[in-house]
N, C-alpha and C. Protein backbone atom coordinates (compact mmCIF):
# COMPACT_ATOMS: atom_id res chain seq x y z
N UNK A 1 0.82 -1.14 -0.01
CA UNK A 1 -0.05 -0.01 -0.01
C UNK A 1 0.89 1.26 0.02
N UNK A 2 1.88 1.26 0.85
CA UNK A 2 2.78 2.43 0.93
C UNK A 2 3.50 2.74 -0.39
N UNK A 3 3.87 1.67 -1.05
CA UNK A 3 4.58 1.84 -2.33
C UNK A 3 3.65 2.39 -3.36
N UNK A 4 2.42 1.93 -3.35
CA UNK A 4 1.41 2.41 -4.35
C UNK A 4 1.13 3.93 -4.05
N UNK A 5 1.03 4.32 -2.78
CA UNK A 5 0.79 5.70 -2.44
C UNK A 5 1.97 6.48 -2.92
N UNK A 6 3.19 6.05 -2.72
CA UNK A 6 4.33 6.75 -3.20
C UNK A 6 4.39 6.97 -4.69
N UNK A 7 3.91 5.87 -5.38
CA UNK A 7 3.77 5.99 -6.80
C UNK A 7 2.75 7.11 -7.19
N UNK A 8 1.68 7.21 -6.51
CA UNK A 8 0.77 8.37 -6.80
C UNK A 8 1.44 9.75 -6.51
N UNK A 9 2.21 9.78 -5.49
CA UNK A 9 2.94 11.09 -5.12
C UNK A 9 3.78 11.55 -6.28
N UNK A 10 4.54 10.59 -6.81
CA UNK A 10 5.56 10.97 -7.93
C UNK A 10 4.97 10.79 -9.33
N UNK A 11 3.67 10.35 -9.40
CA UNK A 11 3.12 10.22 -10.77
C UNK A 11 3.61 9.03 -11.55
N UNK A 12 3.87 7.90 -10.93
CA UNK A 12 4.41 6.76 -11.60
C UNK A 12 3.25 5.81 -11.99
N UNK A 13 2.59 6.11 -13.01
CA UNK A 13 1.37 5.28 -13.49
C UNK A 13 1.84 3.86 -13.83
N UNK A 14 3.02 3.69 -14.41
CA UNK A 14 3.57 2.38 -14.82
C UNK A 14 3.61 1.43 -13.65
N UNK A 15 4.21 1.95 -12.49
CA UNK A 15 4.25 1.19 -11.26
C UNK A 15 2.85 0.73 -10.75
N UNK A 16 2.00 1.77 -10.82
CA UNK A 16 0.62 1.46 -10.30
C UNK A 16 -0.05 0.38 -11.16
N UNK A 17 0.19 0.36 -12.43
CA UNK A 17 -0.37 -0.70 -13.31
C UNK A 17 0.30 -2.00 -13.03
N UNK A 18 1.63 -2.04 -12.83
CA UNK A 18 2.35 -3.25 -12.50
C UNK A 18 1.94 -3.92 -11.25
N UNK A 19 1.42 -3.10 -10.25
CA UNK A 19 1.08 -3.66 -8.98
C UNK A 19 -0.44 -3.75 -8.75
N UNK A 20 -1.11 -3.81 -9.92
CA UNK A 20 -2.58 -3.97 -9.98
C UNK A 20 -2.85 -5.40 -10.54
N UNK A 21 -3.82 -6.08 -9.92
CA UNK A 21 -4.18 -7.39 -10.28
C UNK A 21 -4.48 -7.52 -11.71
N UNK A 22 -3.97 -8.55 -12.39
CA UNK A 22 -4.36 -8.76 -13.81
C UNK A 22 -5.83 -8.85 -14.08
N UNK A 23 -6.58 -9.29 -13.07
CA UNK A 23 -8.01 -9.44 -13.21
C UNK A 23 -8.78 -8.17 -13.21
N UNK A 24 -8.30 -7.09 -12.66
CA UNK A 24 -9.01 -5.83 -12.52
C UNK A 24 -8.23 -4.65 -13.09
N UNK A 25 -7.03 -4.89 -13.59
CA UNK A 25 -6.19 -3.73 -14.04
C UNK A 25 -6.77 -3.12 -15.32
N UNK A 26 -6.83 -1.73 -15.33
CA UNK A 26 -7.29 -1.06 -16.52
C UNK A 26 -6.16 -1.08 -17.58
N UNK A 27 -6.58 -0.81 -18.82
CA UNK A 27 -5.66 -0.79 -19.90
C UNK A 27 -4.60 0.30 -19.79
N UNK A 28 -5.10 1.40 -19.29
CA UNK A 28 -4.19 2.61 -18.99
C UNK A 28 -4.63 3.31 -17.81
N UNK A 29 -3.84 4.24 -17.34
CA UNK A 29 -4.14 5.04 -16.14
C UNK A 29 -3.71 6.50 -16.35
N UNK A 30 -4.62 7.39 -16.22
CA UNK A 30 -4.30 8.86 -16.32
C UNK A 30 -4.38 9.41 -14.94
N UNK A 31 -3.30 9.96 -14.40
CA UNK A 31 -3.26 10.50 -13.09
C UNK A 31 -3.57 11.95 -13.10
N UNK A 32 -4.25 12.50 -12.18
CA UNK A 32 -4.59 13.97 -12.10
C UNK A 32 -3.32 14.70 -11.57
N UNK A 33 -2.67 15.44 -12.51
CA UNK A 33 -1.42 16.16 -12.14
C UNK A 33 -1.75 17.40 -11.23
N UNK A 34 -2.93 17.77 -11.03
CA UNK A 34 -3.28 18.87 -10.16
C UNK A 34 -3.40 18.49 -8.68
N UNK A 35 -3.42 17.23 -8.40
CA UNK A 35 -3.50 16.78 -6.96
C UNK A 35 -2.06 16.60 -6.43
N UNK A 36 -1.90 17.22 -5.29
CA UNK A 36 -0.56 17.07 -4.52
C UNK A 36 -0.82 16.24 -3.33
N UNK A 37 -0.43 15.02 -3.29
CA UNK A 37 -0.64 14.10 -2.18
C UNK A 37 0.23 14.56 -1.01
N UNK A 38 -0.32 14.66 0.19
CA UNK A 38 0.40 15.15 1.32
C UNK A 38 0.55 14.19 2.53
N UNK A 39 0.01 12.99 2.47
CA UNK A 39 0.20 12.12 3.63
C UNK A 39 -0.64 10.87 3.59
N UNK A 40 -0.15 9.90 4.15
CA UNK A 40 -0.92 8.60 4.17
C UNK A 40 -1.07 8.11 5.61
N UNK A 41 -2.30 7.70 5.94
CA UNK A 41 -2.53 7.10 7.31
C UNK A 41 -3.09 5.65 7.06
N UNK A 42 -2.47 4.62 7.58
CA UNK A 42 -3.01 3.26 7.46
C UNK A 42 -4.01 3.14 8.65
N UNK A 43 -5.21 2.95 8.50
CA UNK A 43 -6.24 2.91 9.50
C UNK A 43 -6.40 1.48 10.05
N UNK A 44 -6.33 0.54 9.17
CA UNK A 44 -6.51 -0.88 9.64
C UNK A 44 -6.02 -1.83 8.54
N UNK A 45 -5.65 -3.04 8.95
CA UNK A 45 -5.31 -4.09 7.98
C UNK A 45 -5.89 -5.41 8.51
N UNK A 46 -6.11 -6.30 7.53
CA UNK A 46 -6.44 -7.67 7.86
C UNK A 46 -5.57 -8.62 7.04
N UNK A 47 -5.17 -9.69 7.66
CA UNK A 47 -4.36 -10.67 6.95
C UNK A 47 -3.10 -9.97 6.32
N UNK A 48 -2.66 -10.47 5.25
CA UNK A 48 -1.50 -9.78 4.55
C UNK A 48 -0.09 -10.17 5.04
N UNK A 49 0.00 -11.17 5.88
CA UNK A 49 1.29 -11.64 6.40
C UNK A 49 1.96 -12.54 5.31
N UNK A 50 3.15 -12.99 5.54
CA UNK A 50 3.77 -13.91 4.60
C UNK A 50 2.97 -15.25 4.51
N UNK A 51 2.10 -15.53 5.44
CA UNK A 51 1.37 -16.75 5.39
C UNK A 51 -0.03 -16.67 4.72
N UNK A 52 -0.40 -15.42 4.33
CA UNK A 52 -1.68 -15.18 3.65
C UNK A 52 -1.54 -15.04 2.17
N UNK A 53 -2.65 -15.17 1.43
CA UNK A 53 -2.68 -14.89 0.00
C UNK A 53 -3.56 -13.78 -0.32
N UNK A 54 -4.24 -13.22 0.67
CA UNK A 54 -5.09 -12.03 0.43
C UNK A 54 -5.13 -11.23 1.73
N UNK A 55 -5.51 -9.95 1.61
CA UNK A 55 -5.62 -9.08 2.73
C UNK A 55 -6.32 -7.76 2.36
N UNK A 56 -6.57 -7.00 3.38
CA UNK A 56 -7.18 -5.64 3.16
C UNK A 56 -6.38 -4.59 3.85
N UNK A 57 -6.45 -3.40 3.33
CA UNK A 57 -5.86 -2.23 3.95
C UNK A 57 -6.85 -1.10 3.89
N UNK A 58 -7.26 -0.54 5.06
CA UNK A 58 -8.04 0.66 5.08
C UNK A 58 -7.12 1.83 5.28
N UNK A 59 -7.24 2.78 4.40
CA UNK A 59 -6.30 3.96 4.51
C UNK A 59 -7.05 5.29 4.29
N UNK A 60 -6.36 6.33 4.64
CA UNK A 60 -6.80 7.70 4.35
C UNK A 60 -5.59 8.32 3.65
N UNK A 61 -5.69 8.87 2.50
CA UNK A 61 -4.64 9.62 1.79
C UNK A 61 -5.11 11.02 1.69
N UNK A 62 -4.22 11.90 2.21
CA UNK A 62 -4.54 13.37 2.22
C UNK A 62 -3.92 14.03 1.01
N UNK A 63 -4.54 15.04 0.56
CA UNK A 63 -4.05 15.79 -0.65
C UNK A 63 -4.48 17.24 -0.60
N UNK A 64 -3.96 17.95 -1.57
CA UNK A 64 -4.29 19.43 -1.80
C UNK A 64 -4.71 19.54 -3.17
N UNK A 65 -5.80 20.17 -3.50
CA UNK A 65 -6.28 20.42 -4.86
C UNK A 65 -6.75 21.82 -4.92
N UNK A 66 -6.26 22.55 -5.77
CA UNK A 66 -6.61 24.03 -5.93
C UNK A 66 -6.49 24.71 -4.52
N UNK A 67 -5.46 24.40 -3.82
CA UNK A 67 -5.11 25.09 -2.56
C UNK A 67 -6.04 24.60 -1.41
N UNK A 68 -6.95 23.64 -1.64
CA UNK A 68 -7.72 23.16 -0.55
C UNK A 68 -7.47 21.77 -0.20
N UNK A 69 -7.50 21.45 1.20
CA UNK A 69 -7.13 20.09 1.57
C UNK A 69 -8.37 19.21 1.29
N UNK A 70 -8.02 17.90 1.07
CA UNK A 70 -9.02 16.90 0.98
C UNK A 70 -8.40 15.55 1.35
N UNK A 71 -9.22 14.48 1.30
CA UNK A 71 -8.73 13.17 1.55
C UNK A 71 -9.48 12.12 0.78
N UNK A 72 -8.82 11.04 0.58
CA UNK A 72 -9.56 9.78 0.02
C UNK A 72 -9.38 8.75 0.97
N UNK A 73 -10.52 8.15 1.45
CA UNK A 73 -10.49 6.99 2.40
C UNK A 73 -11.07 5.80 1.67
N UNK A 74 -10.37 4.69 1.78
CA UNK A 74 -10.80 3.53 1.11
C UNK A 74 -10.37 2.26 1.84
N UNK A 75 -11.19 1.19 1.65
CA UNK A 75 -10.83 -0.15 2.07
C UNK A 75 -10.45 -0.91 0.84
N UNK A 76 -9.17 -1.22 0.72
CA UNK A 76 -8.59 -1.87 -0.44
C UNK A 76 -8.33 -3.43 -0.22
N UNK A 77 -8.63 -4.16 -1.28
CA UNK A 77 -8.29 -5.58 -1.23
C UNK A 77 -7.05 -5.84 -2.12
N UNK A 78 -6.19 -6.63 -1.50
CA UNK A 78 -4.90 -7.04 -2.12
C UNK A 78 -4.76 -8.59 -2.15
N UNK A 79 -4.21 -9.14 -3.23
CA UNK A 79 -4.01 -10.57 -3.27
C UNK A 79 -2.55 -10.76 -3.68
N UNK A 80 -2.05 -12.05 -3.55
CA UNK A 80 -0.66 -12.36 -4.08
C UNK A 80 -0.92 -12.95 -5.53
N UNK A 81 -0.10 -12.39 -6.37
CA UNK A 81 0.03 -13.01 -7.75
C UNK A 81 1.40 -13.20 -8.07
N UNK A 82 1.84 -14.40 -8.38
CA UNK A 82 3.19 -14.77 -8.61
C UNK A 82 4.14 -14.30 -7.46
N UNK A 83 3.65 -14.49 -6.25
CA UNK A 83 4.45 -14.25 -5.06
C UNK A 83 4.34 -12.70 -4.65
N UNK A 84 3.90 -11.83 -5.41
CA UNK A 84 3.87 -10.38 -5.13
C UNK A 84 2.48 -9.89 -4.74
N UNK A 85 2.39 -9.00 -3.76
CA UNK A 85 1.07 -8.37 -3.43
C UNK A 85 0.69 -7.39 -4.49
N UNK A 86 -0.57 -7.50 -4.96
CA UNK A 86 -1.11 -6.57 -5.95
C UNK A 86 -2.52 -6.12 -5.47
N UNK A 87 -2.83 -4.84 -5.96
CA UNK A 87 -4.11 -4.25 -5.63
C UNK A 87 -5.15 -4.87 -6.50
N UNK A 88 -6.38 -5.21 -5.82
CA UNK A 88 -7.51 -5.78 -6.65
C UNK A 88 -8.53 -4.73 -6.93
N UNK A 89 -9.05 -4.13 -5.77
CA UNK A 89 -10.18 -3.21 -5.91
C UNK A 89 -10.51 -2.61 -4.53
N UNK A 90 -11.28 -1.54 -4.63
CA UNK A 90 -11.87 -1.02 -3.37
C UNK A 90 -13.04 -1.80 -3.06
N UNK A 91 -13.24 -2.02 -1.71
CA UNK A 91 -14.43 -2.81 -1.24
C UNK A 91 -15.55 -1.84 -0.82
């Protein structure tokens, strides 16, 4: 989750696509260049240890847009594909 947030911060759409499940990955991804991401809070997690094959992360990502603060809060599902954790979708 943290690496995907960092990819949003630096605008690395290719990394976001590589860490997205093949089952739900879009063909391309256009990031909003006007959003400035300012912080990430992990609110909760389930499973996700080396012994699990799926898990969830609830997070709040803070941003600035047009000089105003905002946030995105989401419960995300992750699974292992070929040994690596990948994002599936928001629940």
